[in-house]
N, C-alpha and C. Protein backbone atom coordinates (compact mmCIF):
# COMPACT_ATOMS: atom_id res chain seq x y z
N MET A 1 -20.67 -36.79 34.19
CA MET A 1 -22.08 -37.03 33.94
C MET A 1 -22.36 -36.90 32.44
N ALA A 2 -23.14 -37.81 31.93
CA ALA A 2 -23.49 -37.77 30.50
C ALA A 2 -24.40 -36.58 30.23
N GLN A 3 -24.31 -36.04 29.04
CA GLN A 3 -25.13 -34.91 28.65
C GLN A 3 -26.33 -35.38 27.83
N ASP A 4 -27.37 -34.55 27.83
CA ASP A 4 -28.59 -34.82 27.06
C ASP A 4 -29.22 -36.16 27.40
N ASP A 5 -29.27 -36.49 28.69
CA ASP A 5 -29.90 -37.73 29.12
C ASP A 5 -31.38 -37.57 29.35
N TRP A 6 -31.89 -36.35 29.24
CA TRP A 6 -33.29 -36.05 29.48
C TRP A 6 -33.84 -35.24 28.31
N ARG A 7 -35.12 -35.43 28.04
CA ARG A 7 -35.75 -34.60 27.03
C ARG A 7 -37.23 -34.42 27.35
N ILE A 8 -37.79 -33.38 26.77
CA ILE A 8 -39.22 -33.10 26.85
C ILE A 8 -39.75 -33.30 25.44
N ARG A 9 -40.86 -34.03 25.34
CA ARG A 9 -41.46 -34.28 24.02
C ARG A 9 -42.86 -33.69 24.01
N VAL A 10 -43.15 -32.91 22.97
CA VAL A 10 -44.47 -32.30 22.80
C VAL A 10 -44.91 -32.59 21.38
N GLU A 11 -46.13 -33.06 21.22
CA GLU A 11 -46.68 -33.29 19.88
C GLU A 11 -47.79 -32.28 19.65
N LEU A 12 -47.66 -31.51 18.58
CA LEU A 12 -48.63 -30.47 18.24
C LEU A 12 -49.06 -30.61 16.79
N PRO A 13 -50.31 -30.28 16.48
CA PRO A 13 -50.73 -30.35 15.08
C PRO A 13 -49.97 -29.37 14.20
N GLU A 14 -49.65 -28.18 14.74
CA GLU A 14 -48.89 -27.18 13.98
C GLU A 14 -47.79 -26.63 14.89
N PRO A 15 -46.62 -27.25 14.86
CA PRO A 15 -45.57 -26.89 15.81
C PRO A 15 -44.78 -25.62 15.49
N GLU A 16 -44.91 -25.07 14.27
CA GLU A 16 -44.07 -23.95 13.87
C GLU A 16 -44.21 -22.75 14.81
N GLY A 17 -45.45 -22.35 15.08
CA GLY A 17 -45.68 -21.19 15.94
C GLY A 17 -45.16 -21.41 17.35
N PHE A 18 -45.34 -22.61 17.86
CA PHE A 18 -44.85 -22.91 19.21
C PHE A 18 -43.33 -22.84 19.25
N LEU A 19 -42.68 -23.34 18.22
CA LEU A 19 -41.22 -23.28 18.16
C LEU A 19 -40.74 -21.83 18.16
N THR A 20 -41.41 -20.98 17.43
CA THR A 20 -41.03 -19.57 17.37
C THR A 20 -41.18 -18.93 18.75
N ARG A 21 -42.31 -19.16 19.40
CA ARG A 21 -42.53 -18.58 20.73
C ARG A 21 -41.53 -19.14 21.74
N LEU A 22 -41.22 -20.42 21.63
CA LEU A 22 -40.27 -21.03 22.57
C LEU A 22 -38.88 -20.42 22.40
N GLY A 23 -38.51 -20.11 21.19
CA GLY A 23 -37.18 -19.57 20.94
C GLY A 23 -37.08 -18.07 21.07
N LEU A 24 -38.15 -17.33 20.76
CA LEU A 24 -38.04 -15.87 20.69
C LEU A 24 -39.10 -15.09 21.46
N ASP A 25 -40.28 -15.64 21.64
CA ASP A 25 -41.41 -14.83 22.07
C ASP A 25 -42.23 -15.55 23.14
N LEU A 26 -41.63 -15.85 24.29
CA LEU A 26 -42.35 -16.53 25.35
C LEU A 26 -43.44 -15.64 25.92
N GLY A 27 -44.54 -16.27 26.33
CA GLY A 27 -45.60 -15.56 27.02
C GLY A 27 -45.13 -15.15 28.41
N SER A 28 -45.95 -14.37 29.12
CA SER A 28 -45.52 -13.78 30.40
C SER A 28 -45.18 -14.84 31.46
N GLU A 29 -46.04 -15.85 31.64
CA GLU A 29 -45.77 -16.88 32.66
C GLU A 29 -44.52 -17.68 32.29
N ALA A 30 -44.44 -18.08 31.04
CA ALA A 30 -43.27 -18.86 30.59
C ALA A 30 -41.99 -18.03 30.70
N ARG A 31 -42.08 -16.73 30.36
CA ARG A 31 -40.90 -15.85 30.45
C ARG A 31 -40.43 -15.72 31.89
N GLU A 32 -41.36 -15.62 32.82
CA GLU A 32 -41.02 -15.52 34.25
C GLU A 32 -40.32 -16.80 34.72
N LEU A 33 -40.86 -17.95 34.34
CA LEU A 33 -40.24 -19.24 34.71
C LEU A 33 -38.86 -19.41 34.05
N ALA A 34 -38.71 -18.89 32.86
CA ALA A 34 -37.46 -19.04 32.12
C ALA A 34 -36.32 -18.27 32.77
N LYS A 35 -36.64 -17.28 33.61
CA LYS A 35 -35.58 -16.52 34.29
C LYS A 35 -34.70 -17.43 35.14
N GLU A 36 -35.30 -18.49 35.69
CA GLU A 36 -34.54 -19.45 36.50
C GLU A 36 -33.51 -20.21 35.66
N LEU A 37 -33.70 -20.20 34.36
CA LEU A 37 -32.83 -20.97 33.46
C LEU A 37 -31.78 -20.11 32.78
N GLN A 38 -31.62 -18.88 33.22
CA GLN A 38 -30.62 -17.98 32.61
C GLN A 38 -29.25 -18.64 32.65
N GLY A 39 -28.55 -18.56 31.55
CA GLY A 39 -27.20 -19.14 31.45
C GLY A 39 -27.20 -20.61 31.09
N ARG A 40 -28.34 -21.24 31.07
CA ARG A 40 -28.43 -22.66 30.68
C ARG A 40 -28.76 -22.73 29.20
N ARG A 41 -28.31 -23.82 28.56
CA ARG A 41 -28.56 -24.01 27.13
C ARG A 41 -29.33 -25.31 26.94
N PHE A 42 -30.38 -25.22 26.13
CA PHE A 42 -31.18 -26.38 25.79
C PHE A 42 -31.21 -26.54 24.28
N VAL A 43 -31.08 -27.75 23.83
CA VAL A 43 -31.18 -28.02 22.40
C VAL A 43 -32.65 -28.31 22.11
N VAL A 44 -33.19 -27.63 21.10
CA VAL A 44 -34.57 -27.84 20.69
C VAL A 44 -34.55 -28.33 19.26
N SER A 45 -35.29 -29.42 19.01
CA SER A 45 -35.37 -29.96 17.64
C SER A 45 -36.81 -30.30 17.32
N ARG A 46 -37.03 -30.54 16.05
CA ARG A 46 -38.37 -30.89 15.60
C ARG A 46 -38.28 -32.07 14.65
N ASP A 47 -39.23 -32.98 14.79
CA ASP A 47 -39.37 -34.11 13.87
C ASP A 47 -40.85 -34.23 13.54
N GLY A 48 -41.24 -33.75 12.38
CA GLY A 48 -42.65 -33.74 12.02
C GLY A 48 -43.43 -32.85 12.97
N ASN A 49 -44.43 -33.42 13.62
CA ASN A 49 -45.27 -32.67 14.56
C ASN A 49 -44.74 -32.73 15.99
N GLU A 50 -43.59 -33.35 16.20
CA GLU A 50 -43.05 -33.46 17.55
C GLU A 50 -41.91 -32.48 17.76
N ILE A 51 -41.92 -31.86 18.93
CA ILE A 51 -40.85 -30.96 19.34
C ILE A 51 -40.13 -31.61 20.51
N PHE A 52 -38.80 -31.54 20.50
CA PHE A 52 -37.99 -32.12 21.56
C PHE A 52 -37.10 -31.04 22.17
N VAL A 53 -37.06 -31.01 23.49
CA VAL A 53 -36.18 -30.11 24.22
C VAL A 53 -35.26 -30.99 25.05
N TYR A 54 -33.95 -30.92 24.80
CA TYR A 54 -32.98 -31.78 25.46
C TYR A 54 -32.28 -31.05 26.60
N ALA A 55 -32.12 -31.75 27.72
CA ALA A 55 -31.48 -31.18 28.91
C ALA A 55 -30.44 -32.15 29.43
N ALA A 56 -29.46 -31.60 30.18
CA ALA A 56 -28.35 -32.42 30.68
C ALA A 56 -28.64 -33.08 32.01
N SER A 57 -29.69 -32.65 32.72
CA SER A 57 -29.99 -33.25 34.02
C SER A 57 -31.49 -33.25 34.24
N ARG A 58 -31.93 -34.05 35.17
CA ARG A 58 -33.36 -34.11 35.50
C ARG A 58 -33.84 -32.75 36.01
N GLU A 59 -33.03 -32.12 36.86
CA GLU A 59 -33.42 -30.82 37.42
C GLU A 59 -33.64 -29.80 36.30
N GLU A 60 -32.70 -29.71 35.37
CA GLU A 60 -32.84 -28.77 34.25
C GLU A 60 -34.05 -29.13 33.40
N ALA A 61 -34.27 -30.41 33.17
CA ALA A 61 -35.40 -30.85 32.35
C ALA A 61 -36.72 -30.49 33.02
N GLU A 62 -36.81 -30.64 34.33
CA GLU A 62 -38.04 -30.31 35.05
C GLU A 62 -38.32 -28.81 35.00
N ARG A 63 -37.26 -28.00 35.12
CA ARG A 63 -37.45 -26.55 35.03
C ARG A 63 -37.87 -26.15 33.62
N ALA A 64 -37.25 -26.75 32.62
CA ALA A 64 -37.63 -26.45 31.23
C ALA A 64 -39.05 -26.94 30.95
N LEU A 65 -39.43 -28.06 31.55
CA LEU A 65 -40.78 -28.59 31.38
C LEU A 65 -41.82 -27.58 31.89
N ALA A 66 -41.53 -26.93 33.01
CA ALA A 66 -42.45 -25.93 33.56
C ALA A 66 -42.64 -24.78 32.56
N VAL A 67 -41.55 -24.37 31.89
CA VAL A 67 -41.63 -23.31 30.89
C VAL A 67 -42.47 -23.77 29.70
N VAL A 68 -42.19 -24.97 29.22
CA VAL A 68 -42.92 -25.51 28.07
C VAL A 68 -44.41 -25.62 28.39
N GLU A 69 -44.74 -26.15 29.57
CA GLU A 69 -46.16 -26.30 29.94
C GLU A 69 -46.85 -24.95 30.08
N ALA A 70 -46.13 -23.95 30.63
CA ALA A 70 -46.71 -22.61 30.75
C ALA A 70 -47.01 -22.04 29.37
N GLN A 71 -46.08 -22.24 28.42
CA GLN A 71 -46.30 -21.72 27.07
C GLN A 71 -47.46 -22.45 26.40
N LEU A 72 -47.56 -23.75 26.61
CA LEU A 72 -48.70 -24.50 26.05
C LEU A 72 -50.02 -23.96 26.60
N ARG A 73 -50.07 -23.67 27.90
CA ARG A 73 -51.29 -23.11 28.50
C ARG A 73 -51.62 -21.75 27.89
N GLU A 74 -50.59 -20.90 27.77
CA GLU A 74 -50.82 -19.56 27.21
C GLU A 74 -51.29 -19.63 25.77
N ASP A 75 -50.85 -20.66 25.05
CA ASP A 75 -51.28 -20.83 23.65
C ASP A 75 -52.64 -21.51 23.55
N GLY A 76 -53.15 -21.99 24.69
CA GLY A 76 -54.43 -22.71 24.68
C GLY A 76 -54.32 -24.08 24.04
N ALA A 77 -53.12 -24.63 24.00
CA ALA A 77 -52.90 -25.95 23.38
C ALA A 77 -53.39 -27.05 24.30
N THR A 78 -53.99 -28.06 23.72
CA THR A 78 -54.44 -29.20 24.52
C THR A 78 -53.36 -30.26 24.66
N ALA A 79 -52.27 -30.09 23.93
CA ALA A 79 -51.18 -31.08 23.97
C ALA A 79 -50.49 -31.03 25.33
N GLY A 80 -49.99 -32.16 25.74
CA GLY A 80 -49.21 -32.24 26.96
C GLY A 80 -47.74 -32.44 26.63
N ALA A 81 -46.91 -32.13 27.59
CA ALA A 81 -45.47 -32.32 27.43
C ALA A 81 -45.07 -33.52 28.28
N ILE A 82 -44.22 -34.35 27.74
CA ILE A 82 -43.80 -35.57 28.43
C ILE A 82 -42.30 -35.50 28.71
N LEU A 83 -41.93 -35.78 29.94
CA LEU A 83 -40.51 -35.83 30.33
C LEU A 83 -40.01 -37.25 30.13
N GLU A 84 -38.90 -37.40 29.42
CA GLU A 84 -38.36 -38.72 29.11
C GLU A 84 -36.89 -38.79 29.51
N GLN A 85 -36.47 -39.97 29.94
CA GLN A 85 -35.06 -40.20 30.27
C GLN A 85 -34.49 -41.23 29.30
N TRP A 86 -33.24 -41.01 28.87
CA TRP A 86 -32.55 -41.94 27.99
C TRP A 86 -32.02 -43.10 28.81
N LEU A 87 -32.26 -44.33 28.36
CA LEU A 87 -31.76 -45.55 29.00
C LEU A 87 -30.63 -46.10 28.14
N PRO A 88 -29.38 -45.75 28.46
CA PRO A 88 -28.27 -46.12 27.56
C PRO A 88 -28.09 -47.62 27.40
N GLU A 89 -28.34 -48.41 28.44
CA GLU A 89 -28.15 -49.87 28.33
C GLU A 89 -29.11 -50.46 27.32
N GLU A 90 -30.32 -49.87 27.22
CA GLU A 90 -31.34 -50.39 26.32
C GLU A 90 -31.44 -49.58 25.02
N GLU A 91 -30.70 -48.47 24.94
CA GLU A 91 -30.69 -47.59 23.78
C GLU A 91 -32.10 -47.18 23.37
N ARG A 92 -32.84 -46.62 24.36
CA ARG A 92 -34.19 -46.14 24.09
C ARG A 92 -34.58 -45.14 25.17
N TRP A 93 -35.62 -44.35 24.88
CA TRP A 93 -36.19 -43.46 25.88
C TRP A 93 -37.12 -44.27 26.76
N ASP A 94 -37.24 -43.88 28.04
CA ASP A 94 -37.96 -44.71 29.01
C ASP A 94 -39.44 -44.91 28.73
N ASP A 95 -40.07 -44.05 27.93
CA ASP A 95 -41.49 -44.26 27.64
C ASP A 95 -41.72 -45.06 26.36
N GLU A 96 -40.65 -45.48 25.70
CA GLU A 96 -40.75 -46.33 24.52
C GLU A 96 -40.71 -47.79 24.95
N PRO A 97 -41.45 -48.66 24.26
CA PRO A 97 -41.40 -50.06 24.64
C PRO A 97 -40.02 -50.66 24.33
N PRO A 98 -39.57 -51.59 25.15
CA PRO A 98 -38.28 -52.22 24.86
C PRO A 98 -38.33 -52.97 23.53
N GLY A 99 -37.22 -52.90 22.80
CA GLY A 99 -37.14 -53.62 21.53
C GLY A 99 -36.77 -55.07 21.80
N PRO A 100 -36.75 -55.86 20.75
CA PRO A 100 -36.37 -57.27 20.92
C PRO A 100 -34.90 -57.38 21.32
N THR A 101 -34.59 -58.41 22.07
CA THR A 101 -33.20 -58.66 22.43
C THR A 101 -32.46 -59.19 21.20
N MET A 102 -31.15 -59.20 21.28
CA MET A 102 -30.35 -59.72 20.18
C MET A 102 -30.76 -61.17 19.90
N GLU A 103 -30.98 -61.94 20.96
CA GLU A 103 -31.34 -63.35 20.77
C GLU A 103 -32.69 -63.47 20.07
N GLU A 104 -33.67 -62.62 20.43
CA GLU A 104 -34.98 -62.66 19.78
C GLU A 104 -34.88 -62.29 18.30
N GLU A 105 -34.04 -61.31 17.98
CA GLU A 105 -33.85 -60.92 16.58
C GLU A 105 -33.25 -62.06 15.77
N VAL A 106 -32.24 -62.72 16.31
CA VAL A 106 -31.58 -63.82 15.60
C VAL A 106 -32.56 -64.98 15.42
N LEU A 107 -33.33 -65.30 16.46
CA LEU A 107 -34.33 -66.36 16.36
C LEU A 107 -35.38 -66.04 15.30
N ALA A 108 -35.79 -64.79 15.24
CA ALA A 108 -36.80 -64.38 14.26
C ALA A 108 -36.30 -64.58 12.83
N ARG A 109 -35.00 -64.54 12.64
CA ARG A 109 -34.43 -64.76 11.30
C ARG A 109 -34.13 -66.24 11.04
N GLY A 110 -34.51 -67.10 11.98
CA GLY A 110 -34.39 -68.54 11.76
C GLY A 110 -33.08 -69.16 12.18
N TYR A 111 -32.30 -68.47 13.01
CA TYR A 111 -31.01 -69.00 13.46
C TYR A 111 -31.03 -69.18 14.97
N ALA A 112 -30.17 -70.07 15.43
CA ALA A 112 -29.96 -70.23 16.87
C ALA A 112 -28.91 -69.21 17.30
N PRO A 113 -29.23 -68.37 18.29
CA PRO A 113 -28.23 -67.38 18.71
C PRO A 113 -27.06 -67.98 19.48
N TRP A 114 -27.25 -69.20 20.02
CA TRP A 114 -26.17 -69.87 20.76
C TRP A 114 -26.10 -71.32 20.34
N GLU A 115 -24.90 -71.89 20.44
CA GLU A 115 -24.70 -73.29 20.09
C GLU A 115 -23.89 -73.97 21.18
N VAL A 116 -24.12 -75.27 21.26
CA VAL A 116 -23.26 -76.12 22.09
C VAL A 116 -22.54 -77.04 21.11
N ARG A 117 -21.22 -77.06 21.22
CA ARG A 117 -20.37 -77.87 20.35
C ARG A 117 -19.85 -79.04 21.16
N VAL A 118 -20.07 -80.26 20.66
CA VAL A 118 -19.64 -81.46 21.37
C VAL A 118 -18.78 -82.31 20.43
N ASP A 119 -17.57 -82.64 20.91
CA ASP A 119 -16.64 -83.50 20.17
C ASP A 119 -16.71 -84.87 20.84
N LEU A 120 -17.16 -85.89 20.08
CA LEU A 120 -17.34 -87.22 20.66
C LEU A 120 -16.24 -88.17 20.20
N GLY A 121 -16.18 -89.33 20.83
CA GLY A 121 -15.11 -90.28 20.56
C GLY A 121 -15.25 -91.04 19.27
N SER A 122 -16.48 -91.14 18.74
CA SER A 122 -16.66 -91.93 17.51
C SER A 122 -17.86 -91.42 16.72
N HIS A 123 -17.93 -91.87 15.49
CA HIS A 123 -19.04 -91.53 14.61
C HIS A 123 -20.36 -92.04 15.21
N GLY A 124 -20.35 -93.26 15.74
CA GLY A 124 -21.55 -93.85 16.32
C GLY A 124 -22.05 -93.07 17.54
N GLU A 125 -21.12 -92.63 18.40
CA GLU A 125 -21.52 -91.83 19.56
C GLU A 125 -22.15 -90.51 19.13
N ALA A 126 -21.58 -89.91 18.10
CA ALA A 126 -22.12 -88.64 17.60
C ALA A 126 -23.52 -88.85 17.03
N ARG A 127 -23.71 -89.93 16.27
CA ARG A 127 -25.02 -90.24 15.70
C ARG A 127 -26.03 -90.48 16.80
N ASP A 128 -25.67 -91.27 17.81
CA ASP A 128 -26.60 -91.58 18.91
C ASP A 128 -26.98 -90.31 19.68
N LEU A 129 -25.99 -89.46 19.96
CA LEU A 129 -26.29 -88.23 20.69
C LEU A 129 -27.18 -87.32 19.85
N ALA A 130 -26.88 -87.18 18.57
CA ALA A 130 -27.70 -86.34 17.70
C ALA A 130 -29.14 -86.85 17.65
N ASP A 131 -29.32 -88.17 17.53
CA ASP A 131 -30.67 -88.74 17.52
C ASP A 131 -31.40 -88.46 18.83
N ARG A 132 -30.72 -88.63 19.95
CA ARG A 132 -31.32 -88.41 21.26
C ARG A 132 -31.73 -86.93 21.42
N LEU A 133 -30.85 -86.03 21.00
CA LEU A 133 -31.15 -84.60 21.14
C LEU A 133 -32.29 -84.17 20.23
N GLU A 134 -32.32 -84.71 19.02
CA GLU A 134 -33.43 -84.41 18.11
C GLU A 134 -34.75 -84.92 18.69
N ALA A 135 -34.73 -86.10 19.32
CA ALA A 135 -35.93 -86.64 19.96
C ALA A 135 -36.39 -85.74 21.10
N GLU A 136 -35.45 -85.04 21.75
CA GLU A 136 -35.78 -84.10 22.83
C GLU A 136 -36.27 -82.76 22.28
N GLY A 137 -36.20 -82.59 20.95
CA GLY A 137 -36.69 -81.36 20.34
C GLY A 137 -35.63 -80.33 20.02
N HIS A 138 -34.36 -80.69 20.13
CA HIS A 138 -33.27 -79.76 19.83
C HIS A 138 -32.98 -79.73 18.34
N SER A 139 -32.47 -78.59 17.87
CA SER A 139 -31.99 -78.46 16.50
C SER A 139 -30.53 -78.91 16.49
N VAL A 140 -30.21 -79.92 15.68
CA VAL A 140 -28.89 -80.55 15.72
C VAL A 140 -28.27 -80.62 14.33
N VAL A 141 -26.98 -80.36 14.28
CA VAL A 141 -26.19 -80.62 13.07
C VAL A 141 -25.10 -81.60 13.51
N ARG A 142 -25.01 -82.75 12.77
CA ARG A 142 -23.99 -83.74 13.11
C ARG A 142 -23.08 -83.92 11.91
N ARG A 143 -21.79 -83.89 12.20
CA ARG A 143 -20.78 -84.15 11.19
C ARG A 143 -19.73 -85.05 11.80
N TRP A 144 -19.63 -86.24 11.27
CA TRP A 144 -18.70 -87.27 11.69
C TRP A 144 -18.73 -87.49 13.20
N ARG A 145 -17.77 -87.00 13.96
CA ARG A 145 -17.76 -87.21 15.42
C ARG A 145 -18.19 -85.95 16.18
N TYR A 146 -18.75 -84.99 15.47
CA TYR A 146 -19.05 -83.69 16.07
C TYR A 146 -20.55 -83.40 16.00
N VAL A 147 -21.06 -82.78 17.06
CA VAL A 147 -22.47 -82.40 17.12
C VAL A 147 -22.55 -80.93 17.51
N LEU A 148 -23.35 -80.19 16.77
CA LEU A 148 -23.67 -78.81 17.12
C LEU A 148 -25.15 -78.74 17.45
N VAL A 149 -25.49 -78.12 18.59
CA VAL A 149 -26.87 -78.04 19.03
C VAL A 149 -27.24 -76.58 19.21
N GLY A 150 -28.25 -76.12 18.47
CA GLY A 150 -28.71 -74.74 18.58
C GLY A 150 -29.59 -74.55 19.80
N THR A 151 -29.43 -73.38 20.47
CA THR A 151 -30.28 -73.04 21.61
C THR A 151 -30.78 -71.60 21.47
N ALA A 152 -31.85 -71.31 22.20
CA ALA A 152 -32.48 -70.00 22.11
C ALA A 152 -31.83 -68.95 23.01
N SER A 153 -31.06 -69.37 24.01
CA SER A 153 -30.43 -68.40 24.91
C SER A 153 -29.09 -68.93 25.40
N ARG A 154 -28.29 -68.04 25.91
CA ARG A 154 -26.99 -68.44 26.47
C ARG A 154 -27.20 -69.36 27.68
N GLU A 155 -28.22 -69.04 28.49
CA GLU A 155 -28.50 -69.87 29.67
C GLU A 155 -28.84 -71.30 29.26
N ASP A 156 -29.68 -71.45 28.21
CA ASP A 156 -30.01 -72.79 27.71
C ASP A 156 -28.76 -73.50 27.22
N ALA A 157 -27.91 -72.76 26.52
CA ALA A 157 -26.67 -73.35 25.98
C ALA A 157 -25.76 -73.80 27.12
N GLU A 158 -25.61 -72.98 28.15
CA GLU A 158 -24.74 -73.35 29.27
C GLU A 158 -25.27 -74.58 30.02
N GLU A 159 -26.58 -74.64 30.19
CA GLU A 159 -27.18 -75.80 30.85
C GLU A 159 -26.96 -77.07 30.02
N LEU A 160 -27.19 -76.98 28.72
CA LEU A 160 -26.99 -78.13 27.84
C LEU A 160 -25.52 -78.52 27.76
N ALA A 161 -24.64 -77.54 27.68
CA ALA A 161 -23.20 -77.82 27.62
C ALA A 161 -22.74 -78.53 28.87
N SER A 162 -23.27 -78.13 30.01
CA SER A 162 -22.91 -78.79 31.26
C SER A 162 -23.34 -80.26 31.24
N ARG A 163 -24.53 -80.50 30.74
CA ARG A 163 -25.06 -81.87 30.68
C ARG A 163 -24.30 -82.72 29.66
N LEU A 164 -23.89 -82.11 28.53
CA LEU A 164 -23.26 -82.88 27.45
C LEU A 164 -21.73 -82.80 27.46
N HIS A 165 -21.17 -82.02 28.37
CA HIS A 165 -19.73 -81.78 28.41
C HIS A 165 -19.27 -81.15 27.10
N GLY A 166 -20.07 -80.18 26.63
CA GLY A 166 -19.75 -79.47 25.40
C GLY A 166 -19.29 -78.06 25.71
N GLU A 167 -19.09 -77.30 24.65
CA GLU A 167 -18.65 -75.91 24.77
C GLU A 167 -19.69 -74.98 24.19
N VAL A 168 -19.92 -73.86 24.88
CA VAL A 168 -20.88 -72.86 24.43
C VAL A 168 -20.16 -71.85 23.53
N GLU A 169 -20.84 -71.47 22.45
CA GLU A 169 -20.30 -70.44 21.57
C GLU A 169 -21.45 -69.71 20.90
N PRO A 170 -21.20 -68.48 20.45
CA PRO A 170 -22.25 -67.79 19.69
C PRO A 170 -22.59 -68.62 18.46
N GLY A 171 -23.83 -68.57 18.06
CA GLY A 171 -24.23 -69.39 16.93
C GLY A 171 -24.83 -68.59 15.80
N GLY A 172 -25.29 -69.31 14.83
CA GLY A 172 -26.06 -68.79 13.73
C GLY A 172 -25.54 -67.53 13.11
N GLU A 173 -26.44 -66.58 12.99
CA GLU A 173 -26.16 -65.34 12.28
C GLU A 173 -25.06 -64.53 12.94
N LEU A 174 -24.86 -64.68 14.25
CA LEU A 174 -23.80 -63.94 14.93
C LEU A 174 -22.45 -64.26 14.30
N VAL A 175 -22.22 -65.51 14.05
CA VAL A 175 -20.95 -65.93 13.48
C VAL A 175 -20.88 -65.57 12.01
N TRP A 176 -21.99 -65.69 11.30
CA TRP A 176 -21.98 -65.34 9.89
C TRP A 176 -21.65 -63.87 9.70
N GLU A 177 -22.08 -63.00 10.65
CA GLU A 177 -21.74 -61.59 10.53
C GLU A 177 -20.26 -61.37 10.79
N THR A 178 -19.66 -62.17 11.66
CA THR A 178 -18.25 -62.04 11.98
C THR A 178 -17.38 -62.58 10.87
N VAL A 179 -17.75 -63.75 10.36
CA VAL A 179 -16.99 -64.38 9.29
C VAL A 179 -17.96 -64.64 8.13
N PRO A 180 -18.32 -63.61 7.37
CA PRO A 180 -19.34 -63.78 6.34
C PRO A 180 -18.95 -64.80 5.29
N GLY A 181 -19.93 -65.64 4.96
CA GLY A 181 -19.72 -66.61 3.89
C GLY A 181 -18.89 -67.81 4.26
N ASN A 182 -18.51 -67.96 5.54
CA ASN A 182 -17.68 -69.10 5.93
C ASN A 182 -18.59 -70.24 6.39
N PRO A 183 -18.74 -71.29 5.61
CA PRO A 183 -19.62 -72.39 5.99
C PRO A 183 -18.93 -73.43 6.87
N PHE A 184 -17.68 -73.18 7.29
CA PHE A 184 -16.92 -74.20 7.98
C PHE A 184 -16.87 -73.95 9.48
N ALA A 185 -17.20 -74.96 10.25
CA ALA A 185 -17.07 -74.91 11.70
C ALA A 185 -15.76 -75.60 12.05
N VAL A 186 -14.83 -74.87 12.59
CA VAL A 186 -13.53 -75.43 12.94
C VAL A 186 -13.58 -75.82 14.41
N PHE A 187 -13.52 -77.10 14.70
CA PHE A 187 -13.59 -77.56 16.08
C PHE A 187 -12.25 -77.27 16.73
N GLY A 188 -12.27 -76.32 17.60
CA GLY A 188 -11.08 -75.79 18.23
C GLY A 188 -11.30 -74.32 18.50
N GLY A 189 -12.55 -73.85 18.23
CA GLY A 189 -12.94 -72.52 18.59
C GLY A 189 -12.74 -71.44 17.55
N LEU A 190 -12.49 -71.79 16.29
CA LEU A 190 -12.24 -70.75 15.29
C LEU A 190 -13.45 -70.39 14.47
N GLY A 191 -14.53 -71.17 14.52
CA GLY A 191 -15.69 -70.84 13.67
C GLY A 191 -16.93 -71.52 14.14
N SER A 192 -17.99 -71.39 13.34
CA SER A 192 -19.27 -71.99 13.66
C SER A 192 -20.01 -72.31 12.38
N SER A 193 -21.05 -73.10 12.49
CA SER A 193 -21.75 -73.55 11.30
C SER A 193 -22.93 -72.70 10.92
N GLY A 194 -23.35 -71.78 11.77
CA GLY A 194 -24.58 -71.07 11.47
C GLY A 194 -25.77 -71.99 11.62
N THR A 195 -25.80 -72.75 12.71
CA THR A 195 -26.83 -73.75 12.93
C THR A 195 -28.21 -73.13 12.93
N PRO A 196 -29.12 -73.61 12.08
CA PRO A 196 -30.48 -73.10 12.13
C PRO A 196 -31.17 -73.60 13.39
N TYR A 197 -32.07 -72.80 13.90
CA TYR A 197 -32.81 -73.19 15.10
C TYR A 197 -34.22 -73.52 14.66
N GLY A 198 -34.75 -74.59 15.15
CA GLY A 198 -36.12 -74.85 14.74
C GLY A 198 -36.52 -76.16 15.11
């Protein structure tokens, strides 16, 4: 089981006194509740006016929350304590709004996060396909017999690749981060052009 997957967050205008009482001088109700936690260890930290108490399980976090709330009551604090769970897949606490996806971040920087690469039989076929795709609103880069089409998602790229008999690959900034400064798209799967999306 992963450790420190739960935390309690309390925001106070003046957290110093509360931190001292939490660590050394619990009030009577909080001290009584804390007896259930004998032998357990909690990490307590502070960031500005926020205090965080980290626990290894929901059960431990709920018991610690009872202690924290009792101490807040005894101090006459109007602040509330919030129980939060870490969401490792999303790398955030559950009460925080989800951040942008990788694809949204790449799009915001003006790149297509995915590309469809199509190798055609002739220069004319590549030109015709590029013109048709641009008319459909796709971002296209054409070089001789090759066409690169930027898409906003992997699903869009797979659908387009199926229709065009092309290959899906990471695009734009993803490739530039892997091979910085390489402006060459090697048809055969070794690189990409950093196709702008737009």
